[in-house]
């Protein structure tokens, strides 16, 4: 059974809540979790007279979702965004495809063990000071994701566990 998060509106605050909500769902027994739709899924955001979609927010949402177990768009990027922003969403989808085998293997394992696909840093690296890190996450034990969720930001601080890490930008 797949559980989808409740509708979130098209806002930066909703994007910032996405990772903590996904992590919590995985740890209360829902390893097969789908985020709300990329771009926000609240129907009121698409009604006539609604505020215009923020292209940066839409892209950051897609980039965040690229390493989540599933991706689902609220609206086709090529219909609601200019070509540059739609291409960035397409690139996020390519990242999801790149890691699809990893995500599928974790889903198969979750079906047997109940272990979450998305994991808190503290879960993977216990007692290393990651208990309060809720804005980045692990896919399994080897892939760390630190999405940018602040408007206008082009960088962010990433908290890394000890060891060697390879950087792959979405």
C-alpha atoms as a PDB file:
ATOM      1  CA  UNK A   1       0.000   0.000   0.000  1.00  0.00           C
ATOM      2  CA  UNK A   2       1.316   3.410  -0.948  1.00  0.00           C
ATOM      3  CA  UNK A   3       0.487   6.374   1.251  1.00  0.00           C
ATOM      4  CA  UNK A   4       0.538   9.899  -0.204  1.00  0.00           C
ATOM      5  CA  UNK A   5       1.033  12.898   2.016  1.00  0.00           C
ATOM      6  CA  UNK A   6      -1.880  15.295   2.382  1.00  0.00           C
ATOM      7  CA  UNK A   7      -2.180  18.206  -0.017  1.00  0.00           C
ATOM      8  CA  UNK A   8       0.335  20.955   0.567  1.00  0.00           C
ATOM      9  CA  UNK A   9      -0.113  24.392  -0.875  1.00  0.00           C
ATOM     10  CA  UNK A  10       2.280  26.061  -3.298  1.00  0.00           C
ATOM     11  CA  UNK A  11       4.551  27.695  -0.731  1.00  0.00           C
ATOM     12  CA  UNK A  12       8.127  27.612   0.503  1.00  0.00           C
ATOM     13  CA  UNK A  13       6.892  26.643   3.954  1.00  0.00           C
ATOM     14  CA  UNK A  14       5.157  23.572   2.500  1.00  0.00           C
ATOM     15  CA  UNK A  15       8.384  22.595   0.725  1.00  0.00           C
ATOM     16  CA  UNK A  16      10.366  22.937   3.981  1.00  0.00           C
ATOM     17  CA  UNK A  17       7.852  20.614   5.718  1.00  0.00           C
ATOM     18  CA  UNK A  18       8.110  17.967   3.001  1.00  0.00           C
ATOM     19  CA  UNK A  19      11.261  16.156   4.169  1.00  0.00           C
ATOM     20  CA  UNK A  20      10.332  16.011   7.874  1.00  0.00           C
ATOM     21  CA  UNK A  21       6.821  14.786   6.973  1.00  0.00           C
ATOM     22  CA  UNK A  22       8.194  12.098   4.648  1.00  0.00           C
ATOM     23  CA  UNK A  23      10.726  10.923   7.226  1.00  0.00           C
ATOM     24  CA  UNK A  24       8.095  10.708   9.962  1.00  0.00           C
ATOM     25  CA  UNK A  25       5.744   8.694   7.749  1.00  0.00           C
ATOM     26  CA  UNK A  26       8.477   6.171   7.024  1.00  0.00           C
ATOM     27  CA  UNK A  27       9.169   5.663  10.691  1.00  0.00           C
ATOM     28  CA  UNK A  28       5.558   5.147  11.703  1.00  0.00           C
ATOM     29  CA  UNK A  29       5.250   2.180   9.381  1.00  0.00           C
ATOM     30  CA  UNK A  30       4.666   3.651   5.923  1.00  0.00           C
ATOM     31  CA  UNK A  31       7.845   2.886   3.970  1.00  0.00           C
ATOM     32  CA  UNK A  32       6.009   3.315   0.655  1.00  0.00           C
ATOM     33  CA  UNK A  33       5.409   7.038   0.894  1.00  0.00           C
ATOM     34  CA  UNK A  34       4.675   9.467  -1.907  1.00  0.00           C
ATOM     35  CA  UNK A  35       5.108  13.187  -1.335  1.00  0.00           C
ATOM     36  CA  UNK A  36       2.367  15.565  -2.164  1.00  0.00           C
ATOM     37  CA  UNK A  37       2.432  16.542  -5.786  1.00  0.00           C
ATOM     38  CA  UNK A  38       5.433  18.504  -7.013  1.00  0.00           C
ATOM     39  CA  UNK A  39       4.563  22.161  -7.087  1.00  0.00           C
ATOM     40  CA  UNK A  40       1.925  21.744  -4.396  1.00  0.00           C
ATOM     41  CA  UNK A  41      -1.211  19.733  -4.758  1.00  0.00           C
ATOM     42  CA  UNK A  42      -3.849  21.878  -3.151  1.00  0.00           C
ATOM     43  CA  UNK A  43      -6.514  22.388  -5.796  1.00  0.00           C
ATOM     44  CA  UNK A  44      -7.009  26.015  -4.760  1.00  0.00           C
ATOM     45  CA  UNK A  45      -3.529  26.794  -6.115  1.00  0.00           C
ATOM     46  CA  UNK A  46      -4.835  26.048  -9.617  1.00  0.00           C
ATOM     47  CA  UNK A  47      -8.199  27.813  -9.487  1.00  0.00           C
ATOM     48  CA  UNK A  48      -8.790  30.911 -11.607  1.00  0.00           C
ATOM     49  CA  UNK A  49      -7.532  33.949  -9.755  1.00  0.00           C
ATOM     50  CA  UNK A  50      -4.975  32.009  -7.680  1.00  0.00           C
ATOM     51  CA  UNK A  51      -1.570  33.590  -7.290  1.00  0.00           C
ATOM     52  CA  UNK A  52       0.858  32.723 -10.057  1.00  0.00           C
ATOM     53  CA  UNK A  53       3.037  29.658  -9.640  1.00  0.00           C
ATOM     54  CA  UNK A  54       6.575  30.452  -8.517  1.00  0.00           C
ATOM     55  CA  UNK A  55       8.904  28.783 -11.055  1.00  0.00           C
ATOM     56  CA  UNK A  56      11.801  28.621  -8.578  1.00  0.00           C
ATOM     57  CA  UNK A  57       9.606  26.928  -5.972  1.00  0.00           C
ATOM     58  CA  UNK A  58       8.261  24.466  -8.533  1.00  0.00           C
ATOM     59  CA  UNK A  59      11.822  23.494  -9.575  1.00  0.00           C
ATOM     60  CA  UNK A  60      13.093  23.211  -5.984  1.00  0.00           C
ATOM     61  CA  UNK A  61      10.143  20.963  -5.173  1.00  0.00           C
ATOM     62  CA  UNK A  62      11.042  18.719  -8.149  1.00  0.00           C
ATOM     63  CA  UNK A  63      14.689  18.659  -7.086  1.00  0.00           C
ATOM     64  CA  UNK A  64      13.714  17.699  -3.537  1.00  0.00           C
ATOM     65  CA  UNK A  65      11.451  14.942  -4.836  1.00  0.00           C
ATOM     66  CA  UNK A  66      14.136  13.560  -7.164  1.00  0.00           C
ATOM     67  CA  UNK A  67      15.444  11.248  -4.434  1.00  0.00           C
ATOM     68  CA  UNK A  68      12.126  10.518  -2.777  1.00  0.00           C
ATOM     69  CA  UNK A  69      10.608   7.084  -3.402  1.00  0.00           C
ATOM     70  CA  UNK A  70       8.085   8.525  -5.876  1.00  0.00           C
ATOM     71  CA  UNK A  71       7.558  11.660  -7.947  1.00  0.00           C
ATOM     72  CA  UNK A  72       4.165  13.026  -8.961  1.00  0.00           C
ATOM     73  CA  UNK A  73       3.544  16.429 -10.550  1.00  0.00           C
ATOM     74  CA  UNK A  74       0.584  18.661  -9.742  1.00  0.00           C
ATOM     75  CA  UNK A  75       0.809  20.119 -13.231  1.00  0.00           C
ATOM     76  CA  UNK A  76       2.989  19.249 -16.197  1.00  0.00           C
ATOM     77  CA  UNK A  77       6.051  21.533 -15.957  1.00  0.00           C
ATOM     78  CA  UNK A  78       6.070  22.167 -19.710  1.00  0.00           C
ATOM     79  CA  UNK A  79       2.507  23.518 -19.436  1.00  0.00           C
ATOM     80  CA  UNK A  80       2.994  25.886 -16.492  1.00  0.00           C
ATOM     81  CA  UNK A  81       6.682  26.869 -16.649  1.00  0.00           C
ATOM     82  CA  UNK A  82       8.974  28.480 -19.177  1.00  0.00           C
ATOM     83  CA  UNK A  83      11.413  26.210 -21.049  1.00  0.00           C
ATOM     84  CA  UNK A  84      14.349  26.872 -18.702  1.00  0.00           C
ATOM     85  CA  UNK A  85      12.426  25.891 -15.558  1.00  0.00           C
ATOM     86  CA  UNK A  86      10.720  22.946 -17.277  1.00  0.00           C
ATOM     87  CA  UNK A  87      14.164  21.656 -18.307  1.00  0.00           C
ATOM     88  CA  UNK A  88      15.315  21.844 -14.670  1.00  0.00           C
ATOM     89  CA  UNK A  89      12.298  19.739 -13.663  1.00  0.00           C
ATOM     90  CA  UNK A  90      13.151  17.258 -16.401  1.00  0.00           C
ATOM     91  CA  UNK A  91      16.711  17.071 -15.037  1.00  0.00           C
ATOM     92  CA  UNK A  92      15.293  16.281 -11.579  1.00  0.00           C
ATOM     93  CA  UNK A  93      13.330  13.446 -13.164  1.00  0.00           C
ATOM     94  CA  UNK A  94      16.564  12.198 -14.728  1.00  0.00           C
ATOM     95  CA  UNK A  95      18.148  12.083 -11.252  1.00  0.00           C
ATOM     96  CA  UNK A  96      15.192  10.007 -10.059  1.00  0.00           C
ATOM     97  CA  UNK A  97      15.729   7.594 -12.946  1.00  0.00           C
ATOM     98  CA  UNK A  98      19.464   7.441 -12.200  1.00  0.00           C
ATOM     99  CA  UNK A  99      18.700   6.204  -8.666  1.00  0.00           C
ATOM    100  CA  UNK A 100      15.640   4.117  -9.587  1.00  0.00           C
ATOM    101  CA  UNK A 101      17.414   0.777  -9.121  1.00  0.00           C
ATOM    102  CA  UNK A 102      18.540   1.828  -5.641  1.00  0.00           C
ATOM    103  CA  UNK A 103      15.044   2.998  -4.693  1.00  0.00           C
ATOM    104  CA  UNK A 104      13.432  -0.175  -6.085  1.00  0.00           C
ATOM    105  CA  UNK A 105      15.887  -2.389  -4.179  1.00  0.00           C
ATOM    106  CA  UNK A 106      15.097  -0.479  -0.968  1.00  0.00           C
ATOM    107  CA  UNK A 107      11.358  -0.820  -1.644  1.00  0.00           C
ATOM    108  CA  UNK A 108      11.725  -4.580  -2.051  1.00  0.00           C
ATOM    109  CA  UNK A 109      13.676  -4.714   1.210  1.00  0.00           C
ATOM    110  CA  UNK A 110      11.048  -2.559   2.948  1.00  0.00           C
ATOM    111  CA  UNK A 111       8.346  -5.037   1.873  1.00  0.00           C
ATOM    112  CA  UNK A 112      10.176  -7.708   3.880  1.00  0.00           C
ATOM    113  CA  UNK A 113      11.653  -5.751   6.793  1.00  0.00           C
ATOM    114  CA  UNK A 114       9.387  -2.685   7.111  1.00  0.00           C
ATOM    115  CA  UNK A 115      12.523  -0.537   7.206  1.00  0.00           C
ATOM    116  CA  UNK A 116      11.944   2.924   5.690  1.00  0.00           C
ATOM    117  CA  UNK A 117      13.345   3.840   2.294  1.00  0.00           C
ATOM    118  CA  UNK A 118      13.973   7.444   3.399  1.00  0.00           C
ATOM    119  CA  UNK A 119      15.926   7.532   6.629  1.00  0.00           C
ATOM    120  CA  UNK A 120      16.845  10.072   9.235  1.00  0.00           C
ATOM    121  CA  UNK A 121      20.560  10.796   9.426  1.00  0.00           C
ATOM    122  CA  UNK A 122      20.524   9.714  13.076  1.00  0.00           C
ATOM    123  CA  UNK A 123      19.038   6.346  12.102  1.00  0.00           C
ATOM    124  CA  UNK A 124      21.880   5.586   9.710  1.00  0.00           C
ATOM    125  CA  UNK A 125      24.599   7.212  11.828  1.00  0.00           C
ATOM    126  CA  UNK A 126      23.477   6.730  15.444  1.00  0.00           C
ATOM    127  CA  UNK A 127      25.017   8.793  18.221  1.00  0.00           C
ATOM    128  CA  UNK A 128      26.973  10.989  15.802  1.00  0.00           C
ATOM    129  CA  UNK A 129      25.009  14.187  16.477  1.00  0.00           C
ATOM    130  CA  UNK A 130      22.416  14.039  13.702  1.00  0.00           C
ATOM    131  CA  UNK A 131      19.273  13.830  15.876  1.00  0.00           C
ATOM    132  CA  UNK A 132      18.222  17.391  14.999  1.00  0.00           C
ATOM    133  CA  UNK A 133      18.985  17.137  11.268  1.00  0.00           C
ATOM    134  CA  UNK A 134      15.581  16.971   9.615  1.00  0.00           C
ATOM    135  CA  UNK A 135      16.163  18.946   6.409  1.00  0.00           C
ATOM    136  CA  UNK A 136      18.363  16.326   4.769  1.00  0.00           C
ATOM    137  CA  UNK A 137      17.956  12.576   4.608  1.00  0.00           C
ATOM    138  CA  UNK A 138      19.389   9.271   3.503  1.00  0.00           C
ATOM    139  CA  UNK A 139      18.053   6.955   0.840  1.00  0.00           C
ATOM    140  CA  UNK A 140      19.048   3.654   2.352  1.00  0.00           C
ATOM    141  CA  UNK A 141      22.419   3.810   4.041  1.00  0.00           C
ATOM    142  CA  UNK A 142      24.487   5.234   1.191  1.00  0.00           C
ATOM    143  CA  UNK A 143      22.778   8.163  -0.582  1.00  0.00           C
ATOM    144  CA  UNK A 144      22.515  11.479   1.242  1.00  0.00           C
ATOM    145  CA  UNK A 145      20.106  14.144  -0.038  1.00  0.00           C
ATOM    146  CA  UNK A 146      20.209  17.759   1.119  1.00  0.00           C
ATOM    147  CA  UNK A 147      17.612  19.720  -0.861  1.00  0.00           C
ATOM    148  CA  UNK A 148      17.636  23.501  -1.147  1.00  0.00           C
ATOM    149  CA  UNK A 149      14.374  24.733   0.385  1.00  0.00           C
ATOM    150  CA  UNK A 150      15.037  28.439   0.902  1.00  0.00           C
ATOM    151  CA  UNK A 151      13.827  30.924  -1.677  1.00  0.00           C
ATOM    152  CA  UNK A 152      16.675  32.524  -3.619  1.00  0.00           C
ATOM    153  CA  UNK A 153      19.339  30.224  -2.181  1.00  0.00           C
ATOM    154  CA  UNK A 154      21.855  28.711  -4.549  1.00  0.00           C
ATOM    155  CA  UNK A 155      23.826  26.917  -1.839  1.00  0.00           C
ATOM    156  CA  UNK A 156      23.140  25.367   1.521  1.00  0.00           C
ATOM    157  CA  UNK A 157      25.054  23.878   4.411  1.00  0.00           C
ATOM    158  CA  UNK A 158      25.215  20.096   4.340  1.00  0.00           C
ATOM    159  CA  UNK A 159      25.990  18.126   7.473  1.00  0.00           C
ATOM    160  CA  UNK A 160      28.180  15.174   6.527  1.00  0.00           C
ATOM    161  CA  UNK A 161      28.983  12.061   8.512  1.00  0.00           C
ATOM    162  CA  UNK A 162      32.610  11.012   8.817  1.00  0.00           C
ATOM    163  CA  UNK A 163      34.060   9.249   5.820  1.00  0.00           C
ATOM    164  CA  UNK A 164      34.480   9.924   2.128  1.00  0.00           C
ATOM    165  CA  UNK A 165      31.546  11.347   0.201  1.00  0.00           C
ATOM    166  CA  UNK A 166      31.097  11.947  -3.512  1.00  0.00           C
ATOM    167  CA  UNK A 167      29.113  15.012  -4.606  1.00  0.00           C
ATOM    168  CA  UNK A 168      26.401  14.723  -7.267  1.00  0.00           C
ATOM    169  CA  UNK A 169      24.376  17.859  -7.949  1.00  0.00           C
ATOM    170  CA  UNK A 170      20.752  17.687  -8.966  1.00  0.00           C
END
